């Protein structure tokens, strides 16, 4: 397909992909009542003055349904990791066991689950707004290219109409991905 606005369409797709990917990464950290490494992967630990993601400092495993096991690569960081998990205020209870840290994942109350789903919906809506902003920006770029006859790309008025339709299709696909992730994560959270 050699459309005159193909570069704009590719740009929109790439930026929307990144936005959806960011949303999916963020919701990995939402508690579902079951242990998941995503709960603590991105907790930042103060490591020699730098805030380092926990996943880069330790091996995190799920030995049982309601517990995580954190084995730091450097044993001297055990206390700093424990402190960071407590400071993250996720309701998790880390306990030092020898050279590792066992993190208990307690049951969530119904009220906590509903609040979490509400936060999740809010985050999903913010993601959709970001995707719509990408659409708006790319359409402005296409219209500007159509008005600017001296540019490298010759964009006609018909191309602008086609671009609006094509970019709208890309938007709908990405919004569907956000809705799908929201539905799946909400079901996990509400599951007893």
N, C-alpha and C. Protein backbone atom coordinates (compact mmCIF):
# COMPACT_ATOMS: atom_id res chain seq x y z
N UNK A 1 0.85 -1.18 0.00
CA UNK A 1 0.00 0.00 0.00
C UNK A 1 0.89 1.23 0.00
N UNK A 2 0.84 2.02 -1.03
CA UNK A 2 1.67 3.21 -1.09
C UNK A 2 0.79 4.45 -1.02
N UNK A 3 0.25 4.67 0.14
CA UNK A 3 -0.58 5.85 0.36
C UNK A 3 0.32 7.03 0.66
N UNK A 4 -0.14 8.21 0.29
CA UNK A 4 0.67 9.39 0.55
C UNK A 4 0.71 9.73 2.04
N UNK A 5 -0.23 9.18 2.79
CA UNK A 5 -0.26 9.45 4.22
C UNK A 5 0.15 8.22 5.04
N UNK A 6 0.77 7.24 4.41
CA UNK A 6 1.15 5.99 5.08
C UNK A 6 2.08 6.24 6.27
N UNK A 7 3.03 7.17 6.11
CA UNK A 7 3.95 7.48 7.21
C UNK A 7 3.19 7.99 8.43
N UNK A 8 2.17 8.80 8.17
CA UNK A 8 1.36 9.32 9.28
C UNK A 8 0.59 8.19 9.96
N UNK A 9 0.07 7.29 9.16
CA UNK A 9 -0.68 6.15 9.67
C UNK A 9 0.22 5.23 10.50
N UNK A 10 1.43 4.99 10.00
CA UNK A 10 2.39 4.17 10.74
C UNK A 10 2.77 4.83 12.06
N UNK A 11 2.95 6.15 12.03
CA UNK A 11 3.28 6.89 13.25
C UNK A 11 2.15 6.76 14.27
N UNK A 12 0.92 6.91 13.82
CA UNK A 12 -0.23 6.79 14.72
C UNK A 12 -0.28 5.39 15.33
N UNK A 13 -0.10 4.38 14.51
CA UNK A 13 -0.15 3.00 14.98
C UNK A 13 0.94 2.74 16.03
N UNK A 14 2.14 3.21 15.74
CA UNK A 14 3.26 3.00 16.66
C UNK A 14 3.04 3.69 18.00
N UNK A 15 2.59 4.94 17.95
CA UNK A 15 2.36 5.69 19.19
C UNK A 15 1.21 5.08 20.00
N UNK A 16 0.17 4.62 19.33
CA UNK A 16 -0.95 3.99 20.03
C UNK A 16 -0.53 2.64 20.62
N UNK A 17 0.30 1.90 19.89
CA UNK A 17 0.83 0.63 20.41
C UNK A 17 1.58 0.86 21.72
N UNK A 18 2.41 1.89 21.74
CA UNK A 18 3.19 2.19 22.94
C UNK A 18 2.29 2.58 24.10
N UNK A 19 1.23 3.32 23.82
CA UNK A 19 0.30 3.74 24.87
C UNK A 19 -0.41 2.53 25.47
N UNK A 20 -0.87 1.62 24.61
CA UNK A 20 -1.55 0.41 25.10
C UNK A 20 -0.57 -0.46 25.87
N UNK A 21 0.65 -0.57 25.38
CA UNK A 21 1.68 -1.36 26.05
C UNK A 21 1.95 -0.81 27.45
N UNK A 22 2.03 0.50 27.56
CA UNK A 22 2.25 1.15 28.86
C UNK A 22 1.09 0.83 29.82
N UNK A 23 -0.13 0.89 29.31
CA UNK A 23 -1.30 0.56 30.13
C UNK A 23 -1.22 -0.88 30.62
N UNK A 24 -0.88 -1.80 29.73
CA UNK A 24 -0.79 -3.21 30.11
C UNK A 24 0.30 -3.44 31.14
N UNK A 25 1.41 -2.71 31.03
CA UNK A 25 2.47 -2.83 32.03
C UNK A 25 2.01 -2.30 33.38
N UNK A 26 1.29 -1.20 33.36
CA UNK A 26 0.81 -0.61 34.62
C UNK A 26 -0.17 -1.51 35.34
N UNK A 27 -1.06 -2.16 34.60
CA UNK A 27 -2.08 -2.96 35.28
C UNK A 27 -1.53 -4.30 35.77
N UNK A 28 -0.34 -4.67 35.31
CA UNK A 28 0.28 -5.89 35.83
C UNK A 28 0.49 -5.79 37.33
N UNK A 29 0.72 -4.58 37.83
CA UNK A 29 0.99 -4.37 39.24
C UNK A 29 -0.25 -4.33 40.12
N UNK A 30 -1.43 -4.42 39.54
CA UNK A 30 -2.66 -4.40 40.33
C UNK A 30 -2.83 -5.76 41.00
N UNK A 31 -3.14 -5.74 42.28
CA UNK A 31 -3.33 -6.98 43.03
C UNK A 31 -4.62 -7.67 42.63
N UNK A 32 -4.56 -8.97 42.49
CA UNK A 32 -5.74 -9.75 42.15
C UNK A 32 -6.12 -10.70 43.27
N UNK A 33 -5.39 -10.66 44.38
CA UNK A 33 -5.66 -11.60 45.46
C UNK A 33 -4.78 -12.82 45.35
N UNK A 34 -4.15 -13.00 44.19
CA UNK A 34 -3.20 -14.10 43.99
C UNK A 34 -1.82 -13.48 43.86
N UNK A 35 -0.82 -14.26 44.20
CA UNK A 35 0.56 -13.79 44.07
C UNK A 35 0.94 -13.71 42.59
N UNK A 36 1.61 -12.65 42.23
CA UNK A 36 2.09 -12.45 40.87
C UNK A 36 3.36 -11.60 40.95
N UNK A 37 4.36 -11.97 40.18
CA UNK A 37 5.60 -11.20 40.21
C UNK A 37 5.37 -9.75 39.76
N UNK A 38 4.33 -9.52 38.97
CA UNK A 38 4.01 -8.17 38.50
C UNK A 38 3.66 -7.21 39.63
N UNK A 39 3.29 -7.76 40.79
CA UNK A 39 2.94 -6.91 41.94
C UNK A 39 4.13 -6.08 42.40
N UNK A 40 5.32 -6.67 42.35
CA UNK A 40 6.47 -5.98 42.93
C UNK A 40 7.61 -5.76 41.94
N UNK A 41 7.49 -6.24 40.71
CA UNK A 41 8.55 -6.10 39.70
C UNK A 41 9.10 -4.68 39.59
N UNK A 42 8.20 -3.72 39.55
CA UNK A 42 8.61 -2.34 39.27
C UNK A 42 8.79 -1.47 40.50
N UNK A 43 8.72 -2.08 41.69
CA UNK A 43 9.01 -1.31 42.90
C UNK A 43 10.44 -0.82 42.82
N UNK A 44 10.66 0.43 43.11
CA UNK A 44 11.99 1.02 43.02
C UNK A 44 12.67 0.94 44.39
N UNK A 45 13.88 0.39 44.38
CA UNK A 45 14.67 0.20 45.60
C UNK A 45 15.85 1.15 45.56
N UNK A 46 16.11 1.82 46.70
CA UNK A 46 17.25 2.72 46.78
C UNK A 46 18.52 1.88 46.84
N UNK A 47 19.28 1.90 45.76
CA UNK A 47 20.48 1.08 45.64
C UNK A 47 21.66 2.00 45.35
N UNK A 48 22.44 2.29 46.38
CA UNK A 48 23.58 3.20 46.28
C UNK A 48 23.17 4.55 45.69
N UNK A 49 22.06 5.08 46.15
CA UNK A 49 21.60 6.39 45.73
C UNK A 49 20.76 6.41 44.47
N UNK A 50 20.63 5.28 43.79
CA UNK A 50 19.82 5.20 42.58
C UNK A 50 18.56 4.40 42.86
N UNK A 51 17.45 4.84 42.30
CA UNK A 51 16.20 4.09 42.41
C UNK A 51 16.20 3.04 41.30
N UNK A 52 16.34 1.78 41.70
CA UNK A 52 16.46 0.67 40.76
C UNK A 52 15.25 -0.23 40.86
N UNK A 53 14.67 -0.66 39.72
CA UNK A 53 13.54 -1.59 39.77
C UNK A 53 13.95 -2.90 40.45
N UNK A 54 13.08 -3.41 41.28
CA UNK A 54 13.35 -4.63 42.03
C UNK A 54 13.70 -5.80 41.12
N UNK A 55 13.06 -5.86 39.96
CA UNK A 55 13.32 -6.97 39.02
C UNK A 55 14.77 -6.99 38.54
N UNK A 56 15.48 -5.86 38.64
CA UNK A 56 16.89 -5.81 38.24
C UNK A 56 17.83 -6.13 39.39
N UNK A 57 17.26 -6.26 40.60
CA UNK A 57 18.08 -6.50 41.77
C UNK A 57 17.89 -7.89 42.37
N UNK A 58 16.83 -8.58 41.95
CA UNK A 58 16.52 -9.85 42.60
C UNK A 58 15.75 -10.77 41.66
N UNK A 59 15.78 -12.04 42.00
CA UNK A 59 14.98 -13.04 41.30
C UNK A 59 13.67 -13.17 42.08
N UNK A 60 12.55 -12.98 41.42
CA UNK A 60 11.24 -13.02 42.07
C UNK A 60 10.49 -14.25 41.55
N UNK A 61 10.03 -15.09 42.47
CA UNK A 61 9.28 -16.29 42.09
C UNK A 61 7.99 -16.38 42.89
N UNK A 62 7.10 -17.28 42.45
CA UNK A 62 5.83 -17.51 43.12
C UNK A 62 5.81 -18.97 43.60
N UNK A 63 6.31 -19.23 44.83
CA UNK A 63 6.36 -20.61 45.32
C UNK A 63 4.99 -21.18 45.71
N UNK A 64 4.06 -20.31 46.06
CA UNK A 64 2.71 -20.73 46.41
C UNK A 64 1.71 -19.64 46.03
N UNK A 65 0.43 -19.96 46.07
CA UNK A 65 -0.61 -19.05 45.58
C UNK A 65 -0.66 -17.71 46.29
N UNK A 66 -0.29 -17.65 47.54
CA UNK A 66 -0.39 -16.41 48.30
C UNK A 66 0.95 -15.89 48.81
N UNK A 67 2.02 -16.22 48.11
CA UNK A 67 3.34 -15.76 48.54
C UNK A 67 4.28 -15.56 47.36
N UNK A 68 5.18 -14.62 47.53
CA UNK A 68 6.25 -14.37 46.58
C UNK A 68 7.57 -14.61 47.30
N UNK A 69 8.57 -15.05 46.58
CA UNK A 69 9.90 -15.25 47.15
C UNK A 69 10.87 -14.37 46.38
N UNK A 70 11.56 -13.51 47.10
CA UNK A 70 12.50 -12.57 46.50
C UNK A 70 13.91 -12.95 46.94
N UNK A 71 14.75 -13.32 45.98
CA UNK A 71 16.14 -13.67 46.27
C UNK A 71 17.04 -12.63 45.62
N UNK A 72 17.56 -11.70 46.44
CA UNK A 72 18.41 -10.65 45.86
C UNK A 72 19.73 -11.20 45.33
N UNK A 73 20.22 -10.56 44.27
CA UNK A 73 21.51 -10.96 43.70
C UNK A 73 22.63 -10.58 44.66
N UNK A 74 22.43 -9.50 45.41
CA UNK A 74 23.40 -9.03 46.40
C UNK A 74 22.69 -9.06 47.76
N UNK A 75 23.12 -9.94 48.64
CA UNK A 75 22.46 -10.14 49.94
C UNK A 75 22.42 -8.86 50.77
N UNK A 76 23.39 -7.98 50.58
CA UNK A 76 23.43 -6.74 51.37
C UNK A 76 22.25 -5.82 51.07
N UNK A 77 21.51 -6.09 50.02
CA UNK A 77 20.37 -5.23 49.66
C UNK A 77 19.05 -5.73 50.26
N UNK A 78 19.09 -6.80 51.02
CA UNK A 78 17.88 -7.42 51.56
C UNK A 78 17.03 -6.43 52.36
N UNK A 79 17.66 -5.69 53.27
CA UNK A 79 16.93 -4.71 54.10
C UNK A 79 16.34 -3.59 53.25
N UNK A 80 17.09 -3.12 52.25
CA UNK A 80 16.61 -2.04 51.37
C UNK A 80 15.40 -2.51 50.57
N UNK A 81 15.42 -3.78 50.13
CA UNK A 81 14.30 -4.34 49.38
C UNK A 81 13.07 -4.44 50.28
N UNK A 82 13.27 -4.92 51.50
CA UNK A 82 12.15 -5.02 52.45
C UNK A 82 11.55 -3.63 52.69
N UNK A 83 12.38 -2.66 52.90
CA UNK A 83 11.94 -1.28 53.15
C UNK A 83 11.14 -0.73 51.96
N UNK A 84 11.62 -1.00 50.73
CA UNK A 84 10.95 -0.51 49.52
C UNK A 84 9.58 -1.16 49.34
N UNK A 85 9.48 -2.45 49.65
CA UNK A 85 8.18 -3.14 49.53
C UNK A 85 7.19 -2.58 50.53
N UNK A 86 7.64 -2.32 51.75
CA UNK A 86 6.76 -1.73 52.75
C UNK A 86 6.37 -0.30 52.36
N UNK A 87 7.32 0.46 51.82
CA UNK A 87 7.07 1.85 51.44
C UNK A 87 6.13 1.95 50.25
N UNK A 88 6.05 0.89 49.43
CA UNK A 88 5.16 0.91 48.27
C UNK A 88 3.69 0.91 48.68
N UNK A 89 3.43 0.57 49.93
CA UNK A 89 2.08 0.63 50.49
C UNK A 89 1.07 -0.19 49.68
N UNK A 90 1.45 -1.43 49.37
CA UNK A 90 0.59 -2.33 48.61
C UNK A 90 -0.18 -3.29 49.51
N UNK A 91 0.05 -3.19 50.81
CA UNK A 91 -0.61 -4.11 51.74
C UNK A 91 0.07 -5.47 51.79
N UNK A 92 1.32 -5.51 51.36
CA UNK A 92 2.08 -6.76 51.37
C UNK A 92 2.96 -6.80 52.61
N UNK A 93 3.20 -8.01 53.10
CA UNK A 93 3.99 -8.15 54.32
C UNK A 93 5.25 -8.97 54.06
N UNK A 94 6.39 -8.29 53.84
CA UNK A 94 7.64 -9.02 53.61
C UNK A 94 8.27 -9.50 54.92
N UNK A 95 8.84 -10.71 54.88
CA UNK A 95 9.52 -11.28 56.04
C UNK A 95 10.85 -11.85 55.55
N UNK A 96 11.94 -11.49 56.25
CA UNK A 96 13.26 -11.99 55.86
C UNK A 96 13.41 -13.42 56.36
N UNK A 97 13.77 -14.32 55.45
CA UNK A 97 14.02 -15.73 55.77
C UNK A 97 15.39 -16.09 55.22
N UNK A 98 16.42 -16.02 56.07
CA UNK A 98 17.77 -16.34 55.62
C UNK A 98 18.27 -15.34 54.60
N UNK A 99 18.57 -15.82 53.38
CA UNK A 99 19.09 -14.94 52.33
C UNK A 99 18.02 -14.51 51.35
N UNK A 100 16.76 -14.66 51.72
CA UNK A 100 15.67 -14.27 50.83
C UNK A 100 14.57 -13.57 51.62
N UNK A 101 13.59 -13.15 50.88
CA UNK A 101 12.48 -12.40 51.47
C UNK A 101 11.19 -13.06 51.02
N UNK A 102 10.34 -13.45 51.96
CA UNK A 102 9.04 -14.03 51.63
C UNK A 102 8.01 -12.91 51.79
N UNK A 103 7.22 -12.72 50.74
CA UNK A 103 6.22 -11.65 50.74
C UNK A 103 4.84 -12.28 50.70
N UNK A 104 4.10 -12.12 51.79
CA UNK A 104 2.74 -12.65 51.87
C UNK A 104 1.76 -11.75 51.13
N UNK A 105 0.83 -12.38 50.41
CA UNK A 105 -0.19 -11.64 49.66
C UNK A 105 -1.54 -11.96 50.30
N UNK A 106 -2.06 -11.04 51.14
CA UNK A 106 -3.32 -11.32 51.84
C UNK A 106 -4.54 -11.22 50.92
N UNK A 107 -5.64 -11.79 51.37
CA UNK A 107 -6.91 -11.70 50.65
C UNK A 107 -7.35 -10.24 50.60
N UNK A 108 -8.03 -9.88 49.54
CA UNK A 108 -8.60 -8.53 49.42
C UNK A 108 -10.06 -8.57 49.85
N UNK A 109 -10.49 -7.53 50.56
CA UNK A 109 -11.90 -7.43 50.92
C UNK A 109 -12.68 -7.00 49.69
N UNK A 110 -14.00 -7.17 49.73
CA UNK A 110 -14.85 -6.78 48.60
C UNK A 110 -14.72 -5.28 48.32
N UNK A 111 -14.64 -4.49 49.38
CA UNK A 111 -14.51 -3.04 49.23
C UNK A 111 -13.19 -2.69 48.53
N UNK A 112 -12.09 -3.36 48.92
CA UNK A 112 -10.80 -3.12 48.29
C UNK A 112 -10.84 -3.50 46.81
N UNK A 113 -11.51 -4.60 46.50
CA UNK A 113 -11.60 -5.05 45.11
C UNK A 113 -12.35 -4.03 44.26
N UNK A 114 -13.46 -3.51 44.79
CA UNK A 114 -14.24 -2.54 44.04
C UNK A 114 -13.48 -1.23 43.84
N UNK A 115 -12.72 -0.81 44.85
CA UNK A 115 -11.90 0.39 44.71
C UNK A 115 -10.82 0.18 43.64
N UNK A 116 -10.25 -1.01 43.64
CA UNK A 116 -9.20 -1.31 42.68
C UNK A 116 -9.76 -1.32 41.25
N UNK A 117 -10.93 -1.90 41.08
CA UNK A 117 -11.56 -1.92 39.75
C UNK A 117 -11.89 -0.49 39.31
N UNK A 118 -12.31 0.33 40.25
CA UNK A 118 -12.60 1.73 39.94
C UNK A 118 -11.33 2.45 39.48
N UNK A 119 -10.21 2.22 40.17
CA UNK A 119 -8.93 2.83 39.77
C UNK A 119 -8.51 2.31 38.40
N UNK A 120 -8.76 1.03 38.17
CA UNK A 120 -8.42 0.41 36.89
C UNK A 120 -9.21 1.05 35.76
N UNK A 121 -10.51 1.26 35.97
CA UNK A 121 -11.36 1.90 34.95
C UNK A 121 -10.89 3.32 34.66
N UNK A 122 -10.50 4.02 35.71
CA UNK A 122 -10.01 5.39 35.56
C UNK A 122 -8.71 5.40 34.74
N UNK A 123 -7.83 4.47 35.01
CA UNK A 123 -6.59 4.35 34.27
C UNK A 123 -6.85 4.00 32.80
N UNK A 124 -7.82 3.12 32.57
CA UNK A 124 -8.18 2.74 31.20
C UNK A 124 -8.74 3.94 30.45
N UNK A 125 -9.56 4.73 31.09
CA UNK A 125 -10.13 5.91 30.44
C UNK A 125 -9.02 6.92 30.11
N UNK A 126 -8.06 7.09 31.02
CA UNK A 126 -6.92 7.97 30.74
C UNK A 126 -6.11 7.48 29.56
N UNK A 127 -5.98 6.17 29.44
CA UNK A 127 -5.26 5.59 28.30
C UNK A 127 -6.01 5.87 27.00
N UNK A 128 -7.32 5.72 27.03
CA UNK A 128 -8.12 5.99 25.83
C UNK A 128 -8.00 7.47 25.42
N UNK A 129 -7.97 8.35 26.40
CA UNK A 129 -7.80 9.78 26.11
C UNK A 129 -6.45 10.01 25.43
N UNK A 130 -5.41 9.34 25.92
CA UNK A 130 -4.08 9.47 25.32
C UNK A 130 -4.09 8.98 23.87
N UNK A 131 -4.79 7.87 23.63
CA UNK A 131 -4.88 7.33 22.27
C UNK A 131 -5.62 8.31 21.36
N UNK A 132 -6.69 8.91 21.88
CA UNK A 132 -7.45 9.89 21.08
C UNK A 132 -6.61 11.12 20.79
N UNK A 133 -5.74 11.49 21.75
CA UNK A 133 -4.85 12.62 21.52
C UNK A 133 -3.86 12.33 20.40
N UNK A 134 -3.41 11.08 20.33
CA UNK A 134 -2.53 10.68 19.23
C UNK A 134 -3.27 10.85 17.90
N UNK A 135 -4.52 10.39 17.87
CA UNK A 135 -5.32 10.53 16.64
C UNK A 135 -5.42 12.00 16.24
N UNK A 136 -5.75 12.84 17.20
CA UNK A 136 -5.89 14.28 16.93
C UNK A 136 -4.60 14.87 16.38
N UNK A 137 -3.47 14.54 17.02
CA UNK A 137 -2.18 15.09 16.60
C UNK A 137 -1.80 14.63 15.19
N UNK A 138 -2.02 13.35 14.91
CA UNK A 138 -1.66 12.82 13.60
C UNK A 138 -2.56 13.42 12.51
N UNK A 139 -3.84 13.58 12.80
CA UNK A 139 -4.74 14.20 11.82
C UNK A 139 -4.34 15.65 11.55
N UNK A 140 -3.89 16.35 12.58
CA UNK A 140 -3.39 17.71 12.37
C UNK A 140 -2.17 17.70 11.47
N UNK A 141 -1.30 16.72 11.67
CA UNK A 141 -0.11 16.61 10.83
C UNK A 141 -0.49 16.34 9.37
N UNK A 142 -1.46 15.46 9.16
CA UNK A 142 -1.91 15.15 7.80
C UNK A 142 -2.51 16.39 7.14
N UNK A 143 -3.36 17.12 7.87
CA UNK A 143 -3.96 18.33 7.32
C UNK A 143 -2.90 19.39 7.02
N UNK A 144 -1.91 19.47 7.90
CA UNK A 144 -0.83 20.44 7.68
C UNK A 144 -0.02 20.05 6.43
N UNK A 145 0.21 18.76 6.24
CA UNK A 145 0.94 18.29 5.06
C UNK A 145 0.14 18.58 3.78
N UNK A 146 -1.18 18.52 3.88
CA UNK A 146 -2.03 18.79 2.72
C UNK A 146 -1.97 20.28 2.36
N UNK A 147 -1.92 21.15 3.37
CA UNK A 147 -1.86 22.59 3.12
C UNK A 147 -0.46 23.04 2.68
N UNK A 148 0.56 22.32 3.18
CA UNK A 148 1.95 22.67 2.86
C UNK A 148 2.37 21.94 1.59
N UNK A 149 2.26 22.60 0.47
CA UNK A 149 2.55 21.99 -0.83
C UNK A 149 4.05 21.80 -1.07
N UNK A 150 4.89 22.45 -0.25
CA UNK A 150 6.34 22.36 -0.47
C UNK A 150 6.95 21.14 0.21
N UNK A 151 6.17 20.36 0.95
CA UNK A 151 6.70 19.21 1.68
C UNK A 151 7.07 18.05 0.78
N UNK A 152 7.68 17.04 1.37
CA UNK A 152 8.11 15.85 0.64
C UNK A 152 6.93 14.98 0.21
N UNK A 153 5.87 15.02 0.99
CA UNK A 153 4.72 14.15 0.74
C UNK A 153 3.57 14.97 0.17
N UNK A 154 3.03 14.53 -0.97
CA UNK A 154 1.89 15.21 -1.58
C UNK A 154 0.61 14.58 -1.04
N UNK A 155 -0.10 15.34 -0.22
CA UNK A 155 -1.34 14.86 0.39
C UNK A 155 -2.50 15.65 -0.20
N UNK A 156 -3.44 14.94 -0.80
CA UNK A 156 -4.61 15.59 -1.40
C UNK A 156 -5.75 15.65 -0.39
N UNK A 157 -6.81 16.35 -0.78
CA UNK A 157 -7.98 16.45 0.10
C UNK A 157 -8.64 15.08 0.30
N UNK A 158 -8.63 14.28 -0.76
CA UNK A 158 -9.18 12.92 -0.65
C UNK A 158 -8.34 12.08 0.31
N UNK A 159 -7.02 12.29 0.28
CA UNK A 159 -6.13 11.58 1.19
C UNK A 159 -6.44 11.93 2.65
N UNK A 160 -6.75 13.19 2.88
CA UNK A 160 -7.08 13.63 4.25
C UNK A 160 -8.33 12.89 4.72
N UNK A 161 -9.34 12.79 3.86
CA UNK A 161 -10.57 12.07 4.23
C UNK A 161 -10.28 10.60 4.48
N UNK A 162 -9.49 9.98 3.62
CA UNK A 162 -9.13 8.57 3.79
C UNK A 162 -8.31 8.38 5.07
N UNK A 163 -7.40 9.32 5.33
CA UNK A 163 -6.57 9.22 6.53
C UNK A 163 -7.43 9.27 7.78
N UNK A 164 -8.43 10.15 7.79
CA UNK A 164 -9.33 10.24 8.94
C UNK A 164 -10.02 8.90 9.19
N UNK A 165 -10.48 8.28 8.12
CA UNK A 165 -11.15 6.99 8.24
C UNK A 165 -10.19 5.90 8.72
N UNK A 166 -8.99 5.84 8.12
CA UNK A 166 -8.02 4.81 8.47
C UNK A 166 -7.51 4.97 9.91
N UNK A 167 -7.25 6.21 10.29
CA UNK A 167 -6.75 6.46 11.65
C UNK A 167 -7.84 6.17 12.67
N UNK A 168 -9.09 6.44 12.32
CA UNK A 168 -10.21 6.10 13.20
C UNK A 168 -10.29 4.58 13.41
N UNK A 169 -10.05 3.82 12.35
CA UNK A 169 -10.04 2.35 12.46
C UNK A 169 -8.92 1.88 13.39
N UNK A 170 -7.75 2.48 13.25
CA UNK A 170 -6.62 2.14 14.12
C UNK A 170 -6.97 2.48 15.57
N UNK A 171 -7.61 3.63 15.77
CA UNK A 171 -8.02 4.05 17.11
C UNK A 171 -8.97 3.02 17.73
N UNK A 172 -9.97 2.59 16.96
CA UNK A 172 -10.95 1.64 17.48
C UNK A 172 -10.29 0.32 17.87
N UNK A 173 -9.33 -0.14 17.08
CA UNK A 173 -8.62 -1.38 17.40
C UNK A 173 -7.86 -1.24 18.72
N UNK A 174 -7.21 -0.10 18.91
CA UNK A 174 -6.44 0.10 20.14
C UNK A 174 -7.35 0.30 21.35
N UNK A 175 -8.46 0.98 21.17
CA UNK A 175 -9.42 1.10 22.27
C UNK A 175 -9.97 -0.28 22.65
N UNK A 176 -10.18 -1.14 21.67
CA UNK A 176 -10.65 -2.50 21.94
C UNK A 176 -9.62 -3.28 22.75
N UNK A 177 -8.33 -3.07 22.45
CA UNK A 177 -7.28 -3.73 23.23
C UNK A 177 -7.29 -3.27 24.69
N UNK A 178 -7.51 -1.97 24.90
CA UNK A 178 -7.60 -1.43 26.26
C UNK A 178 -8.81 -2.03 26.98
N UNK A 179 -9.96 -2.07 26.29
CA UNK A 179 -11.16 -2.64 26.90
C UNK A 179 -10.97 -4.11 27.24
N UNK A 180 -10.30 -4.83 26.36
CA UNK A 180 -10.05 -6.26 26.58
C UNK A 180 -9.17 -6.47 27.82
N UNK A 181 -8.10 -5.67 27.94
CA UNK A 181 -7.21 -5.77 29.10
C UNK A 181 -7.95 -5.37 30.37
N UNK A 182 -8.78 -4.34 30.29
CA UNK A 182 -9.57 -3.89 31.44
C UNK A 182 -10.53 -4.97 31.89
N UNK A 183 -11.25 -5.58 30.97
CA UNK A 183 -12.21 -6.62 31.30
C UNK A 183 -11.52 -7.82 31.94
N UNK A 184 -10.42 -8.22 31.36
CA UNK A 184 -9.68 -9.38 31.88
C UNK A 184 -9.15 -9.12 33.29
N UNK A 185 -8.53 -7.96 33.49
CA UNK A 185 -7.95 -7.65 34.80
C UNK A 185 -9.06 -7.44 35.84
N UNK A 186 -10.16 -6.81 35.45
CA UNK A 186 -11.28 -6.61 36.37
C UNK A 186 -11.84 -7.95 36.84
N UNK A 187 -11.96 -8.89 35.90
CA UNK A 187 -12.46 -10.22 36.25
C UNK A 187 -11.51 -10.91 37.23
N UNK A 188 -10.20 -10.75 37.01
CA UNK A 188 -9.21 -11.33 37.93
C UNK A 188 -9.33 -10.74 39.31
N UNK A 189 -9.52 -9.43 39.38
CA UNK A 189 -9.60 -8.74 40.67
C UNK A 189 -10.86 -9.13 41.42
N UNK A 190 -11.97 -9.21 40.71
CA UNK A 190 -13.25 -9.51 41.37
C UNK A 190 -13.45 -10.99 41.68
N UNK A 191 -12.60 -11.83 41.08
CA UNK A 191 -12.68 -13.27 41.33
C UNK A 191 -12.35 -13.57 42.79
N UNK A 192 -13.13 -14.42 43.39
CA UNK A 192 -12.90 -14.73 44.83
C UNK A 192 -12.09 -15.99 44.97
